[in-house]
Each structure stands twice: as C-alpha cells, then as structure tokens.
Amino acid sequence: MTKTADHPLLSDFDVAELIKWRRNLHRQPELSGQEERTAQTVRAFLANTAPDRIITGIGGYGVAAIYDSGTPGLRVLLRCELDGLPIEDLADVPHRSTSPGKGHQCGHDGHMAILAGMARILGQQRPATGAVVLMFQPAEEDGSGALAVVNDAAFDALKSDYAFAIHNMPGIPFGQVLIKDGPVCCASRGMTLRLTGRTAHASQPEMGLSPMAAISRLMPGLTALSSPSGTPTGDFGFAVVTVTHAQMGAPAFGIAPGEARLFVTLRTLTNAAMSSLVERAEALAQEVAQGEGLDLEIGYSDVFVTTENDPDATAVVRKAMEEVDVPCNVGLLPMRASEDFGHFGRHAKAAIMLLGAGEDRPALHNPDYDFPDQLIPIGARIYAAILKQLAEQS
C-alpha cells in the first residue's frame, strides 16, 4: 500500500477520501447550535473506524470517540469544531456552500477532516497506553460550545490529562506551527445596550425622549476605552472596544425615535482585564443613560474566556515538532481573536496551536476563504507526533 510522505499511517487513498469528505462538509455548513446533519456525518465516519465508544449529543450536537489501549496511561483529548459561519460563500471552487448565507470560512471543515484522519489512524492502531478522545465540539463560533461540553454530565467519561487543538491560520507560512505558553487568544464578549425613551411626532420631537444624543455620546465614549496598544503581545492591559451595530427608531420620516440598540464587542487579553473593562463600559452606559433620562438594559452574548496554554502541554508540542521537523515558533501570538478552547484548560493541561495555511491565502472569515486540503495529512502528522511524545513520557 502506498503511503503519503505526510504521515506513514495515512495512505494516498485515505487522504483522497478525507479531502472528499472535507469538501462535502464544506458544501453543507451549519451554524452554531444547529449542527445536526454535520454531527450525523461525523458519527457515521467515526463508526467505520471502530472506536471503543462513541458518545453523541454532548453540549448540544457534540460527538466524541474514544480509542482505548486497554492499559493504564495518559488520556489525551484532541478537539475540533463542527460549526460554520453566517457568511455567504463566494469561493470559486466546485465544493462551494450550497446553503445560502452560510459557509465554512473559518476552516472548521478542515479541522474535522484532520481529526477524521486521526480516527483512521487510531482505528488501525490503538495508542500504546492510555486512551485518545476525539472531540468534535459544537458551537465554537458563538463561544457557547466548549462550556456546554465541559458542563455536560457525559463529559465525565471524556476527562483527560492533556487536551490539544489545531486552528488553521492564513498569513503564516504553510505548514508552520505557532505556539506559546500563557494567553494565546483574547477574552471577548458581545455587549448589547438597549436605550428606551419615548417616541414623538417628527414635527414635535420635544414631546418625546430621543436616544439620539446618548447613542452619539456612547459610540465614541465606549471605543475610547480601548488601550493605545494595537497588539496584545506582552501587554496585559490590552483592550479593544468595537461598535459593531447601531439601530435607532423605525425607518420612517414621521417618527422621532424613542428606542435605540447598540452592539459592542469588548476584547482583552486576560479574564481579569475583561472584568475591569466590563465594569468601566457599564458605568459609562449608565452615566449616559441617566443623564439623558433613558431606561437602560444591558445584555451579553458570544462570551469567550481567554485561552491560555499550559507550559507542560506547550513543551510537549515543541518537542514533538522537533521530532518530526515541523517549523515551530511563537510568531504573532497572542492573537486578538477569541477561541472557546480555553474551557478545556479547566480540566486538562491544554494547548492550542496555529497551523500555517499559507501567506497568500484569503484571511479567515473572508467570504472566499477555503481550507487548503494539503493541511489535512500535516495536521494528522502533528497530532500523531504529540501522541507519540506523550507515550514516551508516560
């Protein structure tokens, strides 16, 4: 049987099937919390690799497969994501999304294919000791999935000594790994402000109570809470406040508005800094609302905690990359972007790494982004090297 150069346990046939499988996922993306069909596709693939146990419905539509050696040793969890994005897929490829307004522009289809490759490998050869858990997690994009998974009673059967994840990243040389200790992805949350006054006829605005002045003050006032530094590297006071949406009144000329909504994203490097930023943002909103005589409601969604890499887990990755001669460095870490993988770090020594998708590829969340298929065997080789490194340590 012909083997690929990227991993000795994945044949050329395996890789071709994984690419076909990935492209099928790309055609049928599902949004966070709606991944029913994707989970069924994953379960069917995993079943063909004969794991010792498959658990479904974890934290929503999560699917996990356990491959057990039958002998004592470390348990290692490898995680990927099921969900796509509410973005129109404009990539000029035959496997472009067939679901209007939905796409896999973050590459989660590729992450699933990498873990499917590991399922093929582990189905052929169980770990020497301990066990490996392949975790296909729902709802990463809105920050709710990992928390739901670790809070699910079924997660007790999946708790591991180590947890690892790979996220593809365009703009980084192809096949290069970026990893560091400590915070690697920012905490973030969506803050919704609802300001309520009283509508009036447009000819008599003084008879109502408009939120216009409050919105006009809040947009620049909230963004001014951002720190001067444009990068979170080495700056634990880093903060970015971004106004993402504003709506006031009805789209009509005869009504002076009586209500407004403001969507704002808060972003910091650490959870402690997030608590401080939330306090300051809420205080400003309350001050402005009270000053204008408006009622104020504050809500939050898409809440991400900071993702922090454990030093021991990071050391394992670095050593494994040396063994397989994969370039590995700190690069642009930590990132401004958020990831909910941080929740797994409450239960295991965890580390997430970025895997370069090439410097000339469209950015993540661009409408024309498509995961490069050539990363599938490379990602599997990286995970296999990590498992081998841990087996040698145990």
Protein backbone atom coordinates (compact mmCIF):
# COMPACT_ATOMS: atom_id res chain seq x y z
CA MET A 1 0.00 0.00 0.00
CA THR A 2 1.37 3.40 -0.99
CA LYS A 3 1.96 5.77 1.92
CA THR A 4 1.97 9.55 1.93
CA ALA A 5 5.05 11.49 2.89
CA ASP A 6 2.98 13.47 5.37
CA HIS A 7 2.05 10.55 7.62
CA PRO A 8 3.06 6.88 7.35
CA LEU A 9 -0.32 5.69 8.65
CA LEU A 10 -2.43 7.57 6.12
CA SER A 11 -2.39 6.09 2.62
CA ASP A 12 -2.88 8.17 -0.50
CA PHE A 13 -6.34 6.62 -0.65
CA ASP A 14 -7.04 7.75 2.94
CA VAL A 15 -6.01 11.32 2.15
CA ALA A 16 -8.11 11.40 -1.03
CA GLU A 17 -11.15 10.18 0.93
CA LEU A 18 -10.55 12.75 3.68
CA ILE A 19 -10.37 15.53 1.09
CA LYS A 20 -13.62 14.34 -0.48
CA TRP A 21 -15.22 14.15 2.97
CA ARG A 22 -13.99 17.65 3.88
CA ARG A 23 -15.39 19.13 0.69
CA ASN A 24 -18.75 17.51 1.35
CA LEU A 25 -18.80 19.20 4.78
CA HIS A 26 -17.87 22.46 3.10
CA ARG A 27 -20.92 22.22 0.83
CA GLN A 28 -23.30 21.81 3.77
CA PRO A 29 -22.27 24.14 6.61
CA GLU A 30 -24.47 24.52 9.67
CA LEU A 31 -24.44 27.37 12.16
CA SER A 32 -23.64 27.21 15.88
CA GLY A 33 -26.13 25.05 17.76
CA GLN A 34 -27.67 23.73 14.52
CA GLU A 35 -25.05 21.13 13.56
CA GLU A 36 -27.39 18.10 13.49
CA ARG A 37 -26.54 16.89 9.97
CA THR A 38 -22.83 17.58 10.46
CA ALA A 39 -22.85 15.53 13.68
CA GLN A 40 -24.55 12.65 11.88
CA THR A 41 -21.92 12.76 9.14
CA VAL A 42 -19.14 12.72 11.74
CA ARG A 43 -20.69 9.86 13.68
CA ALA A 44 -21.02 7.74 10.54
CA PHE A 45 -17.35 8.31 9.67
CA LEU A 46 -16.17 7.52 13.20
CA ALA A 47 -18.24 4.34 13.38
CA ASN A 48 -16.31 2.94 10.39
CA THR A 49 -13.06 3.28 12.39
CA ALA A 50 -14.42 1.03 15.19
CA PRO A 51 -13.71 3.20 18.26
CA ASP A 52 -14.25 1.64 21.68
CA ARG A 53 -17.04 4.10 22.36
CA ILE A 54 -18.91 6.89 20.60
CA ILE A 55 -20.80 9.48 22.65
CA THR A 56 -23.24 11.84 20.92
CA GLY A 57 -25.28 14.85 21.98
CA ILE A 58 -22.56 16.33 24.19
CA GLY A 59 -23.17 20.02 24.86
CA GLY A 60 -25.68 20.05 22.00
CA TYR A 61 -24.61 18.19 18.88
CA GLY A 62 -21.11 17.29 20.09
CA VAL A 63 -19.66 13.91 19.12
CA ALA A 64 -16.75 12.13 20.81
CA ALA A 65 -14.95 8.89 20.01
CA ILE A 66 -12.71 7.05 22.48
CA TYR A 67 -9.84 4.82 21.34
CA ASP A 68 -8.58 2.89 24.38
CA SER A 69 -5.37 0.87 24.60
CA GLY A 70 -6.74 -1.21 27.46
CA THR A 71 -3.65 -0.46 29.54
CA PRO A 72 -3.03 2.35 32.07
CA GLY A 73 -1.60 5.58 30.76
CA LEU A 74 -2.36 9.17 29.87
CA ARG A 75 -5.68 10.12 28.36
CA VAL A 76 -5.37 12.74 25.61
CA LEU A 77 -8.23 14.76 24.10
CA LEU A 78 -7.95 16.19 20.59
CA ARG A 79 -10.62 18.73 19.69
CA CYS A 80 -12.11 20.24 16.54
CA GLU A 81 -15.26 22.25 15.80
CA LEU A 82 -18.48 21.44 13.91
CA ASP A 83 -19.96 24.83 13.10
CA GLY A 84 -19.83 27.18 10.16
CA LEU A 85 -20.44 30.94 9.87
CA PRO A 86 -23.33 33.18 8.78
CA ILE A 87 -21.28 34.37 5.77
CA GLU A 88 -22.08 33.92 2.08
CA ASP A 89 -19.55 31.56 0.48
CA LEU A 90 -18.01 33.30 -2.54
CA ALA A 91 -15.07 30.94 -3.09
CA ASP A 92 -14.60 29.98 -6.73
CA VAL A 93 -14.49 26.22 -6.07
CA PRO A 94 -16.76 23.33 -7.14
CA HIS A 95 -17.50 22.49 -3.50
CA ARG A 96 -18.78 25.97 -2.61
CA SER A 97 -21.50 26.05 0.04
CA THR A 98 -25.00 25.16 -1.15
CA SER A 99 -26.58 26.79 1.92
CA PRO A 100 -27.31 30.48 1.21
CA GLY A 101 -25.71 32.82 3.74
CA LYS A 102 -23.70 30.03 5.39
CA GLY A 103 -20.09 28.97 4.91
CA HIS A 104 -17.05 27.29 6.42
CA GLN A 105 -14.81 30.37 6.13
CA CYS A 106 -13.06 29.57 9.42
CA GLY A 107 -11.86 26.18 8.21
CA HIS A 108 -13.71 24.05 10.73
CA ASP A 109 -14.42 21.59 7.91
CA GLY A 110 -10.65 21.11 7.61
CA HIS A 111 -10.22 20.70 11.37
CA MET A 112 -12.87 17.97 11.30
CA ALA A 113 -11.04 16.25 8.43
CA ILE A 114 -7.78 16.30 10.40
CA LEU A 115 -9.49 14.59 13.35
CA ALA A 116 -11.18 12.16 10.94
CA GLY A 117 -7.67 11.31 9.74
CA MET A 118 -6.68 10.61 13.33
CA ALA A 119 -9.72 8.35 13.63
CA ARG A 120 -8.43 6.36 10.65
CA ILE A 121 -5.00 6.11 12.24
CA LEU A 122 -6.30 5.13 15.69
CA GLY A 123 -8.74 2.68 14.16
CA GLN A 124 -5.80 0.87 12.59
CA GLN A 125 -3.52 1.13 15.61
CA ARG A 126 -4.68 1.93 19.15
CA PRO A 127 -2.43 4.07 21.38
CA ALA A 128 0.27 2.03 23.11
CA THR A 129 -1.02 3.06 26.53
CA GLY A 130 -3.88 5.13 27.92
CA ALA A 131 -6.58 6.43 25.58
CA VAL A 132 -7.27 9.10 22.99
CA VAL A 133 -10.53 11.07 22.81
CA LEU A 134 -11.51 12.74 19.54
CA MET A 135 -13.88 15.58 20.43
CA PHE A 136 -15.98 17.15 17.66
CA GLN A 137 -17.30 20.21 19.50
CA PRO A 138 -20.38 22.23 18.57
CA ALA A 139 -20.91 26.00 18.64
CA GLU A 140 -17.39 27.39 18.80
CA GLU A 141 -18.19 30.49 16.77
CA ASP A 142 -20.56 31.96 19.36
CA GLY A 143 -18.46 30.90 22.36
CA SER A 144 -21.09 28.60 23.86
CA GLY A 145 -19.96 25.15 22.71
CA ALA A 146 -16.91 24.28 24.80
CA LEU A 147 -18.58 25.46 28.00
CA ALA A 148 -21.67 23.37 27.22
CA VAL A 149 -19.46 20.34 26.53
CA VAL A 150 -17.44 20.51 29.75
CA ASN A 151 -20.61 21.17 31.79
CA ASP A 152 -22.39 18.17 30.26
CA ALA A 153 -22.60 15.11 32.54
CA ALA A 154 -21.37 13.00 29.62
CA PHE A 155 -18.04 14.85 29.73
CA ASP A 156 -17.08 12.88 32.86
CA ALA A 157 -16.26 9.96 30.55
CA LEU A 158 -14.01 12.19 28.43
CA LYS A 159 -11.92 14.00 31.05
CA SER A 160 -8.30 13.79 30.06
CA ASP A 161 -4.80 14.53 31.27
CA TYR A 162 -3.96 16.62 28.19
CA ALA A 163 -6.05 18.43 25.58
CA PHE A 164 -4.84 19.82 22.24
CA ALA A 165 -6.36 21.71 19.32
CA ILE A 166 -5.18 22.98 15.96
CA HIS A 167 -6.54 26.06 14.23
CA ASN A 168 -5.52 26.81 10.66
CA MET A 169 -4.25 30.34 10.07
CA PRO A 170 -3.70 32.07 6.71
CA GLY A 171 -0.94 34.66 6.67
CA ILE A 172 1.51 32.19 8.23
CA PRO A 173 3.92 30.13 6.09
CA PHE A 174 2.29 26.88 5.02
CA GLY A 175 2.74 24.02 7.50
CA GLN A 176 4.44 26.15 10.16
CA VAL A 177 3.21 25.80 13.77
CA LEU A 178 2.83 28.76 16.14
CA ILE A 179 2.56 28.09 19.87
CA LYS A 180 3.43 29.78 23.15
CA ASP A 181 2.84 29.45 26.90
CA GLY A 182 0.21 31.56 28.65
CA PRO A 183 -2.56 33.58 26.98
CA VAL A 184 -2.82 32.90 23.26
CA CYS A 185 -6.37 34.07 22.41
CA CYS A 186 -8.22 37.02 23.90
CA ALA A 187 -11.27 37.03 26.10
CA SER A 188 -14.18 38.75 24.38
CA ARG A 189 -17.91 39.30 24.68
CA GLY A 190 -20.73 40.99 22.84
CA MET A 191 -22.37 43.76 24.87
CA THR A 192 -25.89 44.87 23.93
CA LEU A 193 -27.20 48.21 25.17
CA ARG A 194 -30.90 48.96 24.82
CA LEU A 195 -31.88 52.57 25.50
CA THR A 196 -35.58 53.36 25.88
CA GLY A 197 -37.22 56.77 25.92
CA ARG A 198 -40.48 57.86 24.24
CA THR A 199 -41.43 58.30 20.58
CA ALA A 200 -42.97 61.51 19.27
CA HIS A 201 -44.14 63.05 16.03
CA ALA A 202 -41.19 64.20 13.96
CA SER A 203 -42.66 67.71 13.88
CA GLN A 204 -42.66 67.81 17.71
CA PRO A 205 -39.51 65.96 18.85
CA GLU A 206 -39.62 67.88 22.13
CA MET A 207 -42.74 65.89 23.09
CA GLY A 208 -40.75 62.67 23.16
CA LEU A 209 -37.49 61.43 24.61
CA SER A 210 -34.96 60.52 21.95
CA PRO A 211 -31.89 58.28 22.49
CA MET A 212 -30.02 60.12 19.72
CA ALA A 213 -27.76 62.17 21.99
CA ALA A 214 -26.99 59.14 24.15
CA ILE A 215 -26.03 57.00 21.15
CA SER A 216 -23.92 59.86 19.80
CA ARG A 217 -22.01 60.01 23.09
CA LEU A 218 -21.73 56.25 23.67
CA MET A 219 -20.19 55.24 20.35
CA PRO A 220 -17.02 57.34 20.71
CA GLY A 221 -17.07 57.06 24.51
CA LEU A 222 -17.01 53.26 24.54
CA THR A 223 -14.38 52.96 21.81
CA ALA A 224 -12.21 55.38 23.82
CA LEU A 225 -11.95 52.65 26.48
CA SER A 226 -9.60 50.81 24.12
CA SER A 227 -5.93 50.78 25.09
CA PRO A 228 -3.43 52.67 22.92
CA SER A 229 -1.54 49.47 22.10
CA GLY A 230 -2.68 47.76 18.92
CA THR A 231 -1.31 44.36 19.87
CA PRO A 232 -1.85 42.14 22.92
CA THR A 233 1.74 40.85 22.85
CA GLY A 234 3.21 41.30 26.31
CA ASP A 235 0.52 43.84 27.19
CA PHE A 236 -1.83 42.52 29.86
CA GLY A 237 -3.64 45.90 29.90
CA PHE A 238 -4.62 45.44 26.26
CA ALA A 239 -8.28 46.25 25.43
CA VAL A 240 -10.25 46.81 22.24
CA VAL A 241 -13.83 48.09 22.18
CA THR A 242 -15.56 47.89 18.78
CA VAL A 243 -19.02 49.20 17.91
CA THR A 244 -20.45 46.57 15.55
CA HIS A 245 -24.09 47.65 15.12
CA ALA A 246 -26.35 50.60 15.92
CA GLN A 247 -30.08 50.92 15.42
CA MET A 248 -32.33 53.82 16.39
CA GLY A 249 -36.08 54.12 15.93
CA ALA A 250 -38.02 52.95 12.89
CA PRO A 251 -37.05 53.59 9.23
CA ALA A 252 -39.64 56.37 8.91
CA PHE A 253 -39.65 60.17 8.48
CA GLY A 254 -42.65 60.96 10.63
CA ILE A 255 -41.50 59.49 13.94
CA ALA A 256 -38.88 60.86 16.32
CA PRO A 257 -37.16 57.77 17.80
CA GLY A 258 -37.84 56.50 21.30
CA GLU A 259 -35.56 53.47 21.39
CA ALA A 260 -32.05 52.51 20.30
CA ARG A 261 -29.81 49.45 20.40
CA LEU A 262 -26.04 49.38 20.35
CA PHE A 263 -23.91 46.25 19.82
CA VAL A 264 -20.35 46.49 21.12
CA THR A 265 -17.57 43.90 21.27
CA LEU A 266 -15.25 44.04 24.27
CA ARG A 267 -11.86 42.35 23.97
CA THR A 268 -8.98 41.88 26.45
CA LEU A 269 -6.03 39.55 26.84
CA THR A 270 -6.99 38.24 30.29
CA ASN A 271 -10.20 37.45 32.17
CA ALA A 272 -9.25 39.88 34.95
CA ALA A 273 -8.82 42.68 32.41
CA MET A 274 -12.22 41.77 30.94
CA SER A 275 -13.90 42.17 34.32
CA SER A 276 -12.38 45.64 34.63
CA LEU A 277 -13.40 46.62 31.10
CA VAL A 278 -16.98 45.42 31.64
CA GLU A 279 -17.21 47.49 34.80
CA ARG A 280 -16.00 50.63 33.03
CA ALA A 281 -18.23 50.11 29.99
CA GLU A 282 -21.32 49.54 32.12
CA ALA A 283 -20.55 52.59 34.28
CA LEU A 284 -20.26 54.78 31.17
CA ALA A 285 -23.50 53.43 29.70
CA GLN A 286 -25.39 54.01 32.94
CA GLU A 287 -23.99 57.52 33.32
CA VAL A 288 -25.02 58.50 29.79
CA ALA A 289 -28.48 56.88 30.02
CA GLN A 290 -29.24 58.55 33.35
CA GLY A 291 -28.02 61.88 32.06
CA GLU A 292 -30.47 61.68 29.15
CA GLY A 293 -33.34 60.32 31.26
CA LEU A 294 -33.41 56.99 29.41
CA ASP A 295 -34.05 53.47 30.64
CA LEU A 296 -31.11 51.14 30.06
CA GLU A 297 -30.89 47.38 29.62
CA ILE A 298 -27.52 45.64 29.31
CA GLY A 299 -27.09 42.13 27.95
CA TYR A 300 -24.21 39.87 26.89
CA SER A 301 -23.73 37.15 24.30
CA ASP A 302 -20.87 35.41 22.47
CA VAL A 303 -18.87 35.29 25.71
CA PHE A 304 -15.34 33.87 25.37
CA VAL A 305 -12.87 33.44 28.21
CA THR A 306 -9.18 33.83 27.49
CA THR A 307 -7.48 30.76 26.05
CA GLU A 308 -4.30 30.03 27.94
CA ASN A 309 -1.73 27.38 27.06
CA ASP A 310 -0.32 25.20 29.82
CA PRO A 311 3.52 25.23 29.85
CA ASP A 312 3.77 21.43 30.07
CA ALA A 313 1.39 20.93 27.15
CA THR A 314 3.24 23.57 25.12
CA ALA A 315 6.56 21.83 25.85
CA VAL A 316 5.11 18.55 24.55
CA VAL A 317 4.12 20.23 21.28
CA ARG A 318 7.53 21.84 20.82
CA LYS A 319 9.35 18.58 21.45
CA ALA A 320 7.04 16.69 19.11
CA MET A 321 7.57 19.27 16.35
CA GLU A 322 11.34 18.89 16.72
CA GLU A 323 10.99 15.13 16.29
CA VAL A 324 9.03 15.46 13.02
CA ASP A 325 10.97 18.50 11.79
CA VAL A 326 7.98 20.87 11.64
CA PRO A 327 8.93 24.57 11.98
CA CYS A 328 7.62 25.84 15.31
CA ASN A 329 7.81 29.32 16.87
CA VAL A 330 5.83 31.98 18.76
CA GLY A 331 5.17 34.14 15.71
CA LEU A 332 2.27 36.58 16.08
CA LEU A 333 0.93 35.06 19.32
CA PRO A 334 -1.02 36.03 21.33
CA MET A 335 -3.88 36.78 18.95
CA ARG A 336 -6.63 39.37 19.18
CA ALA A 337 -9.16 36.73 18.11
CA SER A 338 -11.05 34.58 20.63
CA GLU A 339 -11.44 30.83 20.99
CA ASP A 340 -13.58 28.84 23.41
CA PHE A 341 -10.97 26.07 23.73
CA GLY A 342 -9.91 27.78 26.97
CA HIS A 343 -12.69 25.93 28.83
CA PHE A 344 -10.90 22.61 28.26
CA GLY A 345 -7.94 24.02 30.17
CA ARG A 346 -10.01 23.84 33.36
CA HIS A 347 -9.93 20.05 33.13
CA ALA A 348 -6.61 19.20 31.47
CA LYS A 349 -3.18 20.53 30.60
CA ALA A 350 -4.26 22.18 27.37
CA ALA A 351 -2.62 23.87 24.40
CA ILE A 352 -3.89 25.20 21.09
CA MET A 353 -1.57 25.79 18.16
CA LEU A 354 -1.92 27.70 14.91
CA LEU A 355 -1.10 25.84 11.70
CA GLY A 356 0.01 28.00 8.80
CA ALA A 357 -2.33 27.87 5.79
CA GLY A 358 -0.04 29.94 3.57
CA GLU A 359 0.86 33.61 3.32
CA ASP A 360 -1.11 34.41 0.15
CA ARG A 361 -4.43 32.87 1.14
CA PRO A 362 -7.57 34.95 1.98
CA ALA A 363 -7.99 35.71 5.67
CA LEU A 364 -10.27 33.75 7.99
CA HIS A 365 -13.91 34.86 7.76
CA ASN A 366 -13.31 36.32 4.30
CA PRO A 367 -16.16 35.21 2.00
CA ASP A 368 -13.74 33.47 -0.36
CA TYR A 369 -11.72 31.53 2.24
CA ASP A 370 -11.39 27.78 1.67
CA PHE A 371 -9.33 25.46 3.88
CA PRO A 372 -6.31 24.07 1.98
CA ASP A 373 -6.70 20.29 1.67
CA GLN A 374 -2.94 19.75 1.86
CA LEU A 375 -3.07 20.64 5.56
CA ILE A 376 -5.13 17.53 6.40
CA PRO A 377 -2.26 14.99 6.44
CA ILE A 378 0.07 17.58 8.01
CA GLY A 379 -2.37 18.18 10.86
CA ALA A 380 -2.73 14.44 11.40
CA ARG A 381 1.07 14.07 11.45
CA ILE A 382 1.30 16.80 14.10
CA TYR A 383 -1.29 15.14 16.33
CA ALA A 384 0.33 11.73 15.90
CA ALA A 385 3.71 13.20 16.87
CA ILE A 386 2.17 14.70 20.02
CA LEU A 387 0.63 11.35 20.98
CA LYS A 388 3.96 9.62 20.41
CA GLN A 389 5.75 12.20 22.55
CA LEU A 390 3.31 11.72 25.43
CA ALA A 391 3.52 7.92 25.15
CA GLU A 392 7.29 8.13 25.54
CA GLN A 393 6.88 10.28 28.65
CA SER A 394 4.33 8.05 30.37
